[in-house]
Amino acid sequence: MGELVPIALFLGAFAMVFGIRYLSNKEKMAMIERGMDPGLSKSIVAPKPFLSLKFGLLLVGLGIGLLVALFVAKLNNLTEEESVAVYFGFLGIFGGIGLIVSYVIEKNWIETHPE
């Protein structure tokens, strides 16, 4: 039974790579049939000026969430199982707060800087 796991992993990885290549080729062929240039779609990528702000605030939120969870777990003398729940809860809450703050900053910047 143990020797089937590596075989299944290899076959799954092969099928995934083959499927991705097959679907990519079908997409390019459909673009050619419609008269579009398939190489053009990859080169035109919209700039994402707030991407680093979003990731930065997400990571700051996660760090603050970890710190708050540590203090809550230590001050309340929680068991290991309870601490895990507190850590995951605070990571989700503060990570979400970081993303919301990023959204508010982006929205305010876009409203104050019309193009």
PDB file of N, CA and C in Angstrom:
ATOM      1  N   MET A   1       0.825  -1.197   0.000  1.00  0.00           N
ATOM      2  CA  MET A   1       0.000   0.000   0.000  1.00  0.00           C
ATOM      3  C   MET A   1       0.867   1.258   0.000  1.00  0.00           C
ATOM      4  N   GLY A   2       1.990   1.215   0.725  1.00  0.00           N
ATOM      5  CA  GLY A   2       2.859   2.377   0.837  1.00  0.00           C
ATOM      6  C   GLY A   2       3.526   2.772  -0.462  1.00  0.00           C
ATOM      7  N   GLU A   3       3.728   1.797  -1.353  1.00  0.00           N
ATOM      8  CA  GLU A   3       4.385   2.120  -2.627  1.00  0.00           C
ATOM      9  C   GLU A   3       3.423   2.770  -3.624  1.00  0.00           C
ATOM     10  N   LEU A   4       2.126   2.739  -3.344  1.00  0.00           N
ATOM     11  CA  LEU A   4       1.163   3.376  -4.232  1.00  0.00           C
ATOM     12  C   LEU A   4       1.139   4.897  -4.086  1.00  0.00           C
ATOM     13  N   VAL A   5       1.540   5.396  -2.933  1.00  0.00           N
ATOM     14  CA  VAL A   5       1.504   6.847  -2.693  1.00  0.00           C
ATOM     15  C   VAL A   5       2.447   7.590  -3.643  1.00  0.00           C
ATOM     16  N   PRO A   6       3.726   7.214  -3.754  1.00  0.00           N
ATOM     17  CA  PRO A   6       4.588   7.942  -4.703  1.00  0.00           C
ATOM     18  C   PRO A   6       4.117   7.809  -6.147  1.00  0.00           C
ATOM     19  N   ILE A   7       3.591   6.644  -6.501  1.00  0.00           N
ATOM     20  CA  ILE A   7       3.104   6.459  -7.872  1.00  0.00           C
ATOM     21  C   ILE A   7       1.908   7.372  -8.132  1.00  0.00           C
ATOM     22  N   ALA A   8       0.989   7.439  -7.173  1.00  0.00           N
ATOM     23  CA  ALA A   8      -0.184   8.297  -7.328  1.00  0.00           C
ATOM     24  C   ALA A   8       0.219   9.771  -7.377  1.00  0.00           C
ATOM     25  N   LEU A   9       1.187  10.181  -6.559  1.00  0.00           N
ATOM     26  CA  LEU A   9       1.660  11.564  -6.586  1.00  0.00           C
ATOM     27  C   LEU A   9       2.282  11.900  -7.935  1.00  0.00           C
ATOM     28  N   PHE A  10       3.101  10.995  -8.457  1.00  0.00           N
ATOM     29  CA  PHE A  10       3.728  11.234  -9.749  1.00  0.00           C
ATOM     30  C   PHE A  10       2.682  11.324 -10.853  1.00  0.00           C
ATOM     31  N   LEU A  11       1.721  10.395 -10.866  1.00  0.00           N
ATOM     32  CA  LEU A  11       0.682  10.419 -11.898  1.00  0.00           C
ATOM     33  C   LEU A  11      -0.196  11.666 -11.774  1.00  0.00           C
ATOM     34  N   GLY A  12      -0.498  12.066 -10.546  1.00  0.00           N
ATOM     35  CA  GLY A  12      -1.291  13.276 -10.344  1.00  0.00           C
ATOM     36  C   GLY A  12      -0.565  14.517 -10.830  1.00  0.00           C
ATOM     37  N   ALA A  13       0.730  14.624 -10.513  1.00  0.00           N
ATOM     38  CA  ALA A  13       1.517  15.778 -10.958  1.00  0.00           C
ATOM     39  C   ALA A  13       1.622  15.802 -12.480  1.00  0.00           C
ATOM     40  N   PHE A  14       1.842  14.632 -13.083  1.00  0.00           N
ATOM     41  CA  PHE A  14       1.926  14.559 -14.541  1.00  0.00           C
ATOM     42  C   PHE A  14       0.608  14.974 -15.183  1.00  0.00           C
ATOM     43  N   ALA A  15      -0.502  14.479 -14.642  1.00  0.00           N
ATOM     44  CA  ALA A  15      -1.814  14.825 -15.195  1.00  0.00           C
ATOM     45  C   ALA A  15      -2.091  16.317 -15.054  1.00  0.00           C
ATOM     46  N   MET A  16      -1.670  16.913 -13.945  1.00  0.00           N
ATOM     47  CA  MET A  16      -1.901  18.338 -13.740  1.00  0.00           C
ATOM     48  C   MET A  16      -1.105  19.168 -14.747  1.00  0.00           C
ATOM     49  N   VAL A  17       0.173  18.846 -14.923  1.00  0.00           N
ATOM     50  CA  VAL A  17       1.008  19.585 -15.878  1.00  0.00           C
ATOM     51  C   VAL A  17       0.476  19.394 -17.297  1.00  0.00           C
ATOM     52  N   PHE A  18       0.111  18.167 -17.649  1.00  0.00           N
ATOM     53  CA  PHE A  18      -0.428  17.901 -18.977  1.00  0.00           C
ATOM     54  C   PHE A  18      -1.728  18.666 -19.197  1.00  0.00           C
ATOM     55  N   GLY A  19      -2.601  18.681 -18.207  1.00  0.00           N
ATOM     56  CA  GLY A  19      -3.872  19.388 -18.320  1.00  0.00           C
ATOM     57  C   GLY A  19      -3.682  20.883 -18.486  1.00  0.00           C
ATOM     58  N   ILE A  20      -2.768  21.458 -17.736  1.00  0.00           N
ATOM     59  CA  ILE A  20      -2.504  22.895 -17.843  1.00  0.00           C
ATOM     60  C   ILE A  20      -1.970  23.236 -19.228  1.00  0.00           C
ATOM     61  N   ARG A  21      -1.028  22.439 -19.725  1.00  0.00           N
ATOM     62  CA  ARG A  21      -0.474  22.693 -21.058  1.00  0.00           C
ATOM     63  C   ARG A  21      -1.548  22.520 -22.143  1.00  0.00           C
ATOM     64  N   TYR A  22      -2.389  21.509 -21.991  1.00  0.00           N
ATOM     65  CA  TYR A  22      -3.442  21.250 -22.968  1.00  0.00           C
ATOM     66  C   TYR A  22      -4.440  22.398 -23.010  1.00  0.00           C
ATOM     67  N   LEU A  23      -4.877  22.854 -21.842  1.00  0.00           N
ATOM     68  CA  LEU A  23      -5.839  23.959 -21.799  1.00  0.00           C
ATOM     69  C   LEU A  23      -5.222  25.269 -22.280  1.00  0.00           C
ATOM     70  N   SER A  24      -3.953  25.497 -21.984  1.00  0.00           N
ATOM     71  CA  SER A  24      -3.277  26.698 -22.470  1.00  0.00           C
ATOM     72  C   SER A  24      -3.198  26.687 -23.999  1.00  0.00           C
ATOM     73  N   ASN A  25      -2.890  25.533 -24.554  1.00  0.00           N
ATOM     74  CA  ASN A  25      -2.827  25.411 -26.014  1.00  0.00           C
ATOM     75  C   ASN A  25      -4.206  25.644 -26.645  1.00  0.00           C
ATOM     76  N   LYS A  26      -5.261  25.087 -26.042  1.00  0.00           N
ATOM     77  CA  LYS A  26      -6.617  25.299 -26.565  1.00  0.00           C
ATOM     78  C   LYS A  26      -7.000  26.771 -26.501  1.00  0.00           C
ATOM     79  N   GLU A  27      -6.601  27.458 -25.430  1.00  0.00           N
ATOM     80  CA  GLU A  27      -6.900  28.883 -25.302  1.00  0.00           C
ATOM     81  C   GLU A  27      -6.199  29.681 -26.401  1.00  0.00           C
ATOM     82  N   LYS A  28      -4.938  29.372 -26.642  1.00  0.00           N
ATOM     83  CA  LYS A  28      -4.193  30.077 -27.680  1.00  0.00           C
ATOM     84  C   LYS A  28      -4.782  29.812 -29.066  1.00  0.00           C
ATOM     85  N   MET A  29      -5.182  28.577 -29.314  1.00  0.00           N
ATOM     86  CA  MET A  29      -5.785  28.254 -30.614  1.00  0.00           C
ATOM     87  C   MET A  29      -7.111  28.996 -30.803  1.00  0.00           C
ATOM     88  N   ALA A  30      -7.898  29.121 -29.745  1.00  0.00           N
ATOM     89  CA  ALA A  30      -9.159  29.862 -29.840  1.00  0.00           C
ATOM     90  C   ALA A  30      -8.897  31.340 -30.095  1.00  0.00           C
ATOM     91  N   MET A  31      -7.839  31.891 -29.501  1.00  0.00           N
ATOM     92  CA  MET A  31      -7.494  33.288 -29.744  1.00  0.00           C
ATOM     93  C   MET A  31      -7.070  33.495 -31.188  1.00  0.00           C
ATOM     94  N   ILE A  32      -6.303  32.553 -31.729  1.00  0.00           N
ATOM     95  CA  ILE A  32      -5.861  32.656 -33.118  1.00  0.00           C
ATOM     96  C   ILE A  32      -7.057  32.583 -34.058  1.00  0.00           C
ATOM     97  N   GLU A  33      -8.024  31.680 -33.762  1.00  0.00           N
ATOM     98  CA  GLU A  33      -9.215  31.561 -34.601  1.00  0.00           C
ATOM     99  C   GLU A  33     -10.029  32.845 -34.621  1.00  0.00           C
ATOM    100  N   ARG A  34     -10.008  33.597 -33.541  1.00  0.00           N
ATOM    101  CA  ARG A  34     -10.767  34.850 -33.465  1.00  0.00           C
ATOM    102  C   ARG A  34      -9.961  36.037 -33.984  1.00  0.00           C
ATOM    103  N   GLY A  35      -8.738  35.784 -34.444  1.00  0.00           N
ATOM    104  CA  GLY A  35      -7.922  36.846 -35.006  1.00  0.00           C
ATOM    105  C   GLY A  35      -7.144  37.644 -33.967  1.00  0.00           C
ATOM    106  N   MET A  36      -7.039  37.126 -32.771  1.00  0.00           N
ATOM    107  CA  MET A  36      -6.294  37.824 -31.713  1.00  0.00           C
ATOM    108  C   MET A  36      -4.867  37.302 -31.669  1.00  0.00           C
ATOM    109  N   ASP A  37      -3.968  38.108 -31.131  1.00  0.00           N
ATOM    110  CA  ASP A  37      -2.584  37.701 -30.971  1.00  0.00           C
ATOM    111  C   ASP A  37      -2.412  37.077 -29.591  1.00  0.00           C
ATOM    112  N   PRO A  38      -2.110  35.769 -29.490  1.00  0.00           N
ATOM    113  CA  PRO A  38      -2.011  35.136 -28.178  1.00  0.00           C
ATOM    114  C   PRO A  38      -0.825  35.629 -27.350  1.00  0.00           C
ATOM    115  N   GLY A  39       0.215  36.133 -27.994  1.00  0.00           N
ATOM    116  CA  GLY A  39       1.365  36.632 -27.253  1.00  0.00           C
ATOM    117  C   GLY A  39       1.119  37.991 -26.641  1.00  0.00           C
ATOM    118  N   LEU A  40       0.118  38.718 -27.151  1.00  0.00           N
ATOM    119  CA  LEU A  40      -0.159  40.065 -26.686  1.00  0.00           C
ATOM    120  C   LEU A  40      -0.800  40.081 -25.305  1.00  0.00           C
ATOM    121  N   SER A  41      -1.580  39.065 -24.983  1.00  0.00           N
ATOM    122  CA  SER A  41      -2.301  39.072 -23.709  1.00  0.00           C
ATOM    123  C   SER A  41      -1.358  38.954 -22.517  1.00  0.00           C
ATOM    124  N   LYS A  42      -0.240  38.300 -22.685  1.00  0.00           N
ATOM    125  CA  LYS A  42       0.698  38.128 -21.580  1.00  0.00           C
ATOM    126  C   LYS A  42       1.505  39.396 -21.318  1.00  0.00           C
ATOM    127  N   SER A  43       1.750  40.191 -22.369  1.00  0.00           N
ATOM    128  CA  SER A  43       2.618  41.354 -22.212  1.00  0.00           C
ATOM    129  C   SER A  43       1.889  42.550 -21.615  1.00  0.00           C
ATOM    130  N   ILE A  44       0.575  42.614 -21.780  1.00  0.00           N
ATOM    131  CA  ILE A  44      -0.181  43.743 -21.247  1.00  0.00           C
ATOM    132  C   ILE A  44      -0.749  43.344 -19.891  1.00  0.00           C
ATOM    133  N   VAL A  45      -0.062  43.770 -18.865  1.00  0.00           N
ATOM    134  CA  VAL A  45      -0.497  43.470 -17.506  1.00  0.00           C
ATOM    135  C   VAL A  45      -0.747  44.798 -16.813  1.00  0.00           C
ATOM    136  N   ALA A  46      -1.930  44.945 -16.242  1.00  0.00           N
ATOM    137  CA  ALA A  46      -2.262  46.194 -15.567  1.00  0.00           C
ATOM    138  C   ALA A  46      -1.382  46.370 -14.340  1.00  0.00           C
ATOM    139  N   PRO A  47      -0.838  47.558 -14.130  1.00  0.00           N
ATOM    140  CA  PRO A  47      -0.008  47.780 -12.950  1.00  0.00           C
ATOM    141  C   PRO A  47      -0.858  47.720 -11.680  1.00  0.00           C
ATOM    142  N   LYS A  48      -0.263  47.244 -10.637  1.00  0.00           N
ATOM    143  CA  LYS A  48      -0.957  47.127  -9.354  1.00  0.00           C
ATOM    144  C   LYS A  48      -0.170  47.929  -8.324  1.00  0.00           C
ATOM    145  N   PRO A  49      -0.434  49.241  -8.264  1.00  0.00           N
ATOM    146  CA  PRO A  49       0.390  50.097  -7.408  1.00  0.00           C
ATOM    147  C   PRO A  49       0.192  49.850  -5.918  1.00  0.00           C
ATOM    148  N   PHE A  50      -0.930  49.285  -5.513  1.00  0.00           N
ATOM    149  CA  PHE A  50      -1.199  49.107  -4.095  1.00  0.00           C
ATOM    150  C   PHE A  50      -0.922  47.685  -3.611  1.00  0.00           C
ATOM    151  N   LEU A  51      -0.292  46.861  -4.444  1.00  0.00           N
ATOM    152  CA  LEU A  51      -0.065  45.472  -4.066  1.00  0.00           C
ATOM    153  C   LEU A  51       0.870  45.359  -2.860  1.00  0.00           C
ATOM    154  N   SER A  52       1.947  46.129  -2.849  1.00  0.00           N
ATOM    155  CA  SER A  52       2.871  46.059  -1.723  1.00  0.00           C
ATOM    156  C   SER A  52       2.245  46.635  -0.456  1.00  0.00           C
ATOM    157  N   LEU A  53       1.406  47.660  -0.593  1.00  0.00           N
ATOM    158  CA  LEU A  53       0.680  48.192   0.567  1.00  0.00           C
ATOM    159  C   LEU A  53      -0.232  47.125   1.145  1.00  0.00           C
ATOM    160  N   LYS A  54      -0.942  46.416   0.274  1.00  0.00           N
ATOM    161  CA  LYS A  54      -1.870  45.380   0.716  1.00  0.00           C
ATOM    162  C   LYS A  54      -1.133  44.265   1.456  1.00  0.00           C
ATOM    163  N   PHE A  55      -0.047  43.772   0.876  1.00  0.00           N
ATOM    164  CA  PHE A  55       0.705  42.705   1.536  1.00  0.00           C
ATOM    165  C   PHE A  55       1.366  43.198   2.823  1.00  0.00           C
ATOM    166  N   GLY A  56       1.857  44.429   2.801  1.00  0.00           N
ATOM    167  CA  GLY A  56       2.481  44.981   4.006  1.00  0.00           C
ATOM    168  C   GLY A  56       1.504  45.100   5.154  1.00  0.00           C
ATOM    169  N   LEU A  57       0.322  45.640   4.879  1.00  0.00           N
ATOM    170  CA  LEU A  57      -0.672  45.768   5.940  1.00  0.00           C
ATOM    171  C   LEU A  57      -1.205  44.412   6.379  1.00  0.00           C
ATOM    172  N   LEU A  58      -1.290  43.453   5.459  1.00  0.00           N
ATOM    173  CA  LEU A  58      -1.702  42.106   5.840  1.00  0.00           C
ATOM    174  C   LEU A  58      -0.688  41.489   6.797  1.00  0.00           C
ATOM    175  N   LEU A  59       0.596  41.613   6.477  1.00  0.00           N
ATOM    176  CA  LEU A  59       1.630  41.034   7.336  1.00  0.00           C
ATOM    177  C   LEU A  59       1.713  41.756   8.676  1.00  0.00           C
ATOM    178  N   VAL A  60       1.547  43.075   8.684  1.00  0.00           N
ATOM    179  CA  VAL A  60       1.522  43.813   9.953  1.00  0.00           C
ATOM    180  C   VAL A  60       0.333  43.354  10.792  1.00  0.00           C
ATOM    181  N   GLY A  61      -0.828  43.185  10.159  1.00  0.00           N
ATOM    182  CA  GLY A  61      -2.007  42.701  10.876  1.00  0.00           C
ATOM    183  C   GLY A  61      -1.793  41.312  11.443  1.00  0.00           C
ATOM    184  N   LEU A  62      -1.165  40.434  10.667  1.00  0.00           N
ATOM    185  CA  LEU A  62      -0.887  39.090  11.166  1.00  0.00           C
ATOM    186  C   LEU A  62       0.092  39.120  12.333  1.00  0.00           C
ATOM    187  N   GLY A  63       1.099  39.973  12.245  1.00  0.00           N
ATOM    188  CA  GLY A  63       2.058  40.091  13.341  1.00  0.00           C
ATOM    189  C   GLY A  63       1.411  40.618  14.615  1.00  0.00           C
ATOM    190  N   ILE A  64       0.590  41.638  14.484  1.00  0.00           N
ATOM    191  CA  ILE A  64      -0.116  42.171  15.654  1.00  0.00           C
ATOM    192  C   ILE A  64      -1.068  41.113  16.211  1.00  0.00           C
ATOM    193  N   GLY A  65      -1.734  40.363  15.329  1.00  0.00           N
ATOM    194  CA  GLY A  65      -2.624  39.290  15.763  1.00  0.00           C
ATOM    195  C   GLY A  65      -1.890  38.220  16.551  1.00  0.00           C
ATOM    196  N   LEU A  66      -0.697  37.849  16.092  1.00  0.00           N
ATOM    197  CA  LEU A  66       0.102  36.871  16.833  1.00  0.00           C
ATOM    198  C   LEU A  66       0.498  37.402  18.203  1.00  0.00           C
ATOM    199  N   LEU A  67       0.911  38.657  18.250  1.00  0.00           N
ATOM    200  CA  LEU A  67       1.321  39.260  19.515  1.00  0.00           C
ATOM    201  C   LEU A  67       0.161  39.340  20.499  1.00  0.00           C
ATOM    202  N   VAL A  68      -1.002  39.784  20.031  1.00  0.00           N
ATOM    203  CA  VAL A  68      -2.177  39.873  20.897  1.00  0.00           C
ATOM    204  C   VAL A  68      -2.604  38.482  21.358  1.00  0.00           C
ATOM    205  N   ALA A  69      -2.568  37.505  20.460  1.00  0.00           N
ATOM    206  CA  ALA A  69      -2.940  36.141  20.833  1.00  0.00           C
ATOM    207  C   ALA A  69      -1.996  35.577  21.875  1.00  0.00           C
ATOM    208  N   LEU A  70      -0.706  35.882  21.756  1.00  0.00           N
ATOM    209  CA  LEU A  70       0.263  35.426  22.749  1.00  0.00           C
ATOM    210  C   LEU A  70      -0.061  36.007  24.115  1.00  0.00           C
ATOM    211  N   PHE A  71      -0.340  37.309  24.163  1.00  0.00           N
ATOM    212  CA  PHE A  71      -0.669  37.937  25.445  1.00  0.00           C
ATOM    213  C   PHE A  71      -1.960  37.375  26.034  1.00  0.00           C
ATOM    214  N   VAL A  72      -2.965  37.176  25.194  1.00  0.00           N
ATOM    215  CA  VAL A  72      -4.242  36.640  25.677  1.00  0.00           C
ATOM    216  C   VAL A  72      -4.057  35.224  26.205  1.00  0.00           C
ATOM    217  N   ALA A  73      -3.309  34.406  25.485  1.00  0.00           N
ATOM    218  CA  ALA A  73      -3.099  33.022  25.912  1.00  0.00           C
ATOM    219  C   ALA A  73      -2.301  32.955  27.212  1.00  0.00           C
ATOM    220  N   LYS A  74      -1.288  33.794  27.354  1.00  0.00           N
ATOM    221  CA  LYS A  74      -0.452  33.772  28.567  1.00  0.00           C
ATOM    222  C   LYS A  74      -1.196  34.352  29.770  1.00  0.00           C
ATOM    223  N   LEU A  75      -1.937  35.449  29.573  1.00  0.00           N
ATOM    224  CA  LEU A  75      -2.629  36.081  30.696  1.00  0.00           C
ATOM    225  C   LEU A  75      -3.791  35.245  31.218  1.00  0.00           C
ATOM    226  N   ASN A  76      -4.417  34.455  30.342  1.00  0.00           N
ATOM    227  CA  ASN A  76      -5.570  33.657  30.756  1.00  0.00           C
ATOM    228  C   ASN A  76      -5.208  32.212  31.070  1.00  0.00           C
ATOM    229  N   ASN A  77      -3.918  31.867  31.010  1.00  0.00           N
ATOM    230  CA  ASN A  77      -3.439  30.506  31.292  1.00  0.00           C
ATOM    231  C   ASN A  77      -4.253  29.450  30.535  1.00  0.00           C
ATOM    232  N   LEU A  78      -4.342  29.627  29.241  1.00  0.00           N
ATOM    233  CA  LEU A  78      -5.124  28.720  28.408  1.00  0.00           C
ATOM    234  C   LEU A  78      -4.359  27.434  28.142  1.00  0.00           C
ATOM    235  N   THR A  79      -5.116  26.347  27.907  1.00  0.00           N
ATOM    236  CA  THR A  79      -4.477  25.090  27.533  1.00  0.00           C
ATOM    237  C   THR A  79      -3.977  25.199  26.097  1.00  0.00           C
ATOM    238  N   GLU A  80      -3.255  24.162  25.661  1.00  0.00           N
ATOM    239  CA  GLU A  80      -2.679  24.205  24.315  1.00  0.00           C
ATOM    240  C   GLU A  80      -3.771  24.225  23.247  1.00  0.00           C
ATOM    241  N   GLU A  81      -4.836  23.447  23.441  1.00  0.00           N
ATOM    242  CA  GLU A  81      -5.920  23.414  22.460  1.00  0.00           C
ATOM    243  C   GLU A  81      -6.635  24.753  22.388  1.00  0.00           C
ATOM    244  N   GLU A  82      -6.857  25.369  23.525  1.00  0.00           N
ATOM    245  CA  GLU A  82      -7.514  26.677  23.545  1.00  0.00           C
ATOM    246  C   GLU A  82      -6.621  27.751  22.929  1.00  0.00           C
ATOM    247  N   SER A  83      -5.317  27.643  23.164  1.00  0.00           N
ATOM    248  CA  SER A  83      -4.375  28.616  22.606  1.00  0.00           C
ATOM    249  C   SER A  83      -4.363  28.568  21.084  1.00  0.00           C
ATOM    250  N   VAL A  84      -4.447  27.369  20.526  1.00  0.00           N
ATOM    251  CA  VAL A  84      -4.448  27.231  19.066  1.00  0.00           C
ATOM    252  C   VAL A  84      -5.647  27.958  18.477  1.00  0.00           C
ATOM    253  N   ALA A  85      -6.808  27.788  19.104  1.00  0.00           N
ATOM    254  CA  ALA A  85      -8.007  28.471  18.614  1.00  0.00           C
ATOM    255  C   ALA A  85      -7.859  29.986  18.720  1.00  0.00           C
ATOM    256  N   VAL A  86      -7.266  30.454  19.804  1.00  0.00           N
ATOM    257  CA  VAL A  86      -7.065  31.892  19.986  1.00  0.00           C
ATOM    258  C   VAL A  86      -6.102  32.431  18.933  1.00  0.00           C
ATOM    259  N   TYR A  87      -5.013  31.695  18.666  1.00  0.00           N
ATOM    260  CA  TYR A  87      -4.047  32.141  17.661  1.00  0.00           C
ATOM    261  C   TYR A  87      -4.705  32.250  16.278  1.00  0.00           C
ATOM    262  N   PHE A  88      -5.426  31.213  15.868  1.00  0.00           N
ATOM    263  CA  PHE A  88      -6.062  31.258  14.551  1.00  0.00           C
ATOM    264  C   PHE A  88      -7.122  32.358  14.483  1.00  0.00           C
ATOM    265  N   GLY A  89      -7.861  32.524  15.544  1.00  0.00           N
ATOM    266  CA  GLY A  89      -8.883  33.569  15.564  1.00  0.00           C
ATOM    267  C   GLY A  89      -8.292  34.959  15.421  1.00  0.00           C
ATOM    268  N   PHE A  90      -7.259  35.251  16.208  1.00  0.00           N
ATOM    269  CA  PHE A  90      -6.656  36.574  16.132  1.00  0.00           C
ATOM    270  C   PHE A  90      -5.913  36.798  14.819  1.00  0.00           C
ATOM    271  N   LEU A  91      -5.318  35.735  14.251  1.00  0.00           N
ATOM    272  CA  LEU A  91      -4.678  35.893  12.944  1.00  0.00           C
ATOM    273  C   LEU A  91      -5.710  36.291  11.888  1.00  0.00           C
ATOM    274  N   GLY A  92      -6.853  35.622  11.893  1.00  0.00           N
ATOM    275  CA  GLY A  92      -7.901  35.961  10.930  1.00  0.00           C
ATOM    276  C   GLY A  92      -8.447  37.363  11.134  1.00  0.00           C
ATOM    277  N   ILE A  93      -8.705  37.719  12.388  1.00  0.00           N
ATOM    278  CA  ILE A  93      -9.278  39.036  12.685  1.00  0.00           C
ATOM    279  C   ILE A  93      -8.317  40.155  12.292  1.00  0.00           C
ATOM    280  N   PHE A  94      -7.086  40.082  12.748  1.00  0.00           N
ATOM    281  CA  PHE A  94      -6.152  41.175  12.483  1.00  0.00           C
ATOM    282  C   PHE A  94      -5.655  41.173  11.038  1.00  0.00           C
ATOM    283  N   GLY A  95      -5.554  40.005  10.400  1.00  0.00           N
ATOM    284  CA  GLY A  95      -5.243  39.976   8.970  1.00  0.00           C
ATOM    285  C   GLY A  95      -6.347  40.636   8.165  1.00  0.00           C
ATOM    286  N   GLY A  96      -7.595  40.355   8.519  1.00  0.00           N
ATOM    287  CA  GLY A  96      -8.730  40.997   7.855  1.00  0.00           C
ATOM    288  C   GLY A  96      -8.759  42.489   8.087  1.00  0.00           C
ATOM    289  N   ILE A  97      -8.440  42.927   9.308  1.00  0.00           N
ATOM    290  CA  ILE A  97      -8.385  44.368   9.600  1.00  0.00           C
ATOM    291  C   ILE A  97      -7.320  45.039   8.740  1.00  0.00           C
ATOM    292  N   GLY A  98      -6.173  44.371   8.567  1.00  0.00           N
ATOM    293  CA  GLY A  98      -5.121  44.915   7.710  1.00  0.00           C
ATOM    294  C   GLY A  98      -5.580  45.082   6.276  1.00  0.00           C
ATOM    295  N   LEU A  99      -6.322  44.103   5.754  1.00  0.00           N
ATOM    296  CA  LEU A  99      -6.832  44.204   4.388  1.00  0.00           C
ATOM    297  C   LEU A  99      -7.901  45.285   4.268  1.00  0.00           C
ATOM    298  N   ILE A 100      -8.732  45.439   5.290  1.00  0.00           N
ATOM    299  CA  ILE A 100      -9.747  46.502   5.273  1.00  0.00           C
ATOM    300  C   ILE A 100      -9.080  47.872   5.283  1.00  0.00           C
ATOM    301  N   VAL A 101      -8.047  48.041   6.103  1.00  0.00           N
ATOM    302  CA  VAL A 101      -7.315  49.314   6.140  1.00  0.00           C
ATOM    303  C   VAL A 101      -6.689  49.586   4.777  1.00  0.00           C
ATOM    304  N   SER A 102      -6.148  48.564   4.134  1.00  0.00           N
ATOM    305  CA  SER A 102      -5.577  48.734   2.802  1.00  0.00           C
ATOM    306  C   SER A 102      -6.645  49.183   1.812  1.00  0.00           C
ATOM    307  N   TYR A 103      -7.813  48.591   1.886  1.00  0.00           N
ATOM    308  CA  TYR A 103      -8.913  48.971   0.998  1.00  0.00           C
ATOM    309  C   TYR A 103      -9.313  50.431   1.216  1.00  0.00           C
ATOM    310  N   VAL A 104      -9.414  50.843   2.469  1.00  0.00           N
ATOM    311  CA  VAL A 104      -9.808  52.229   2.775  1.00  0.00           C
ATOM    312  C   VAL A 104      -8.764  53.206   2.248  1.00  0.00           C
ATOM    313  N   ILE A 105      -7.484  52.886   2.425  1.00  0.00           N
ATOM    314  CA  ILE A 105      -6.418  53.762   1.931  1.00  0.00           C
ATOM    315  C   ILE A 105      -6.473  53.852   0.405  1.00  0.00           C
ATOM    316  N   GLU A 106      -6.633  52.714  -0.278  1.00  0.00           N
ATOM    317  CA  GLU A 106      -6.731  52.720  -1.739  1.00  0.00           C
ATOM    318  C   GLU A 106      -7.928  53.540  -2.206  1.00  0.00           C
ATOM    319  N   LYS A 107      -9.078  53.340  -1.569  1.00  0.00           N
ATOM    320  CA  LYS A 107     -10.286  54.051  -1.963  1.00  0.00           C
ATOM    321  C   LYS A 107     -10.129  55.554  -1.772  1.00  0.00           C
ATOM    322  N   ASN A 108      -9.568  55.977  -0.633  1.00  0.00           N
ATOM    323  CA  ASN A 108      -9.348  57.409  -0.388  1.00  0.00           C
ATOM    324  C   ASN A 108      -8.371  57.999  -1.393  1.00  0.00           C
ATOM    325  N   TRP A 109      -7.326  57.260  -1.728  1.00  0.00           N
ATOM    326  CA  TRP A 109      -6.340  57.769  -2.677  1.00  0.00           C
ATOM    327  C   TRP A 109      -6.960  57.920  -4.056  1.00  0.00           C
ATOM    328  N   ILE A 110      -7.760  56.952  -4.464  1.00  0.00           N
ATOM    329  CA  ILE A 110      -8.389  57.012  -5.784  1.00  0.00           C
ATOM    330  C   ILE A 110      -9.390  58.171  -5.851  1.00  0.00           C
ATOM    331  N   GLU A 111     -10.132  58.407  -4.742  1.00  0.00           N
ATOM    332  CA  GLU A 111     -11.103  59.506  -4.734  1.00  0.00           C
ATOM    333  C   GLU A 111     -10.423  60.863  -4.742  1.00  0.00           C
ATOM    334  N   THR A 112      -9.275  60.991  -4.111  1.00  0.00           N
ATOM    335  CA  THR A 112      -8.589  62.290  -4.033  1.00  0.00           C
ATOM    336  C   THR A 112      -7.677  62.534  -5.220  1.00  0.00           C
ATOM    337  N   HIS A 113      -7.372  61.509  -6.014  1.00  0.00           N
ATOM    338  CA  HIS A 113      -6.490  61.650  -7.179  1.00  0.00           C
ATOM    339  C   HIS A 113      -7.212  61.164  -8.436  1.00  0.00           C
ATOM    340  N   PRO A 114      -8.226  61.881  -8.894  1.00  0.00           N
ATOM    341  CA  PRO A 114      -8.901  61.430 -10.126  1.00  0.00           C
ATOM    342  C   PRO A 114      -7.982  61.622 -11.325  1.00  0.00           C
ATOM    343  N   GLU A 115      -8.112  60.725 -12.259  1.00  0.00           N
ATOM    344  CA  GLU A 115      -7.242  60.785 -13.450  1.00  0.00           C
ATOM    345  C   GLU A 115      -7.878  61.532 -14.572  1.00  0.00           C
TER     346      GLU A 115
END
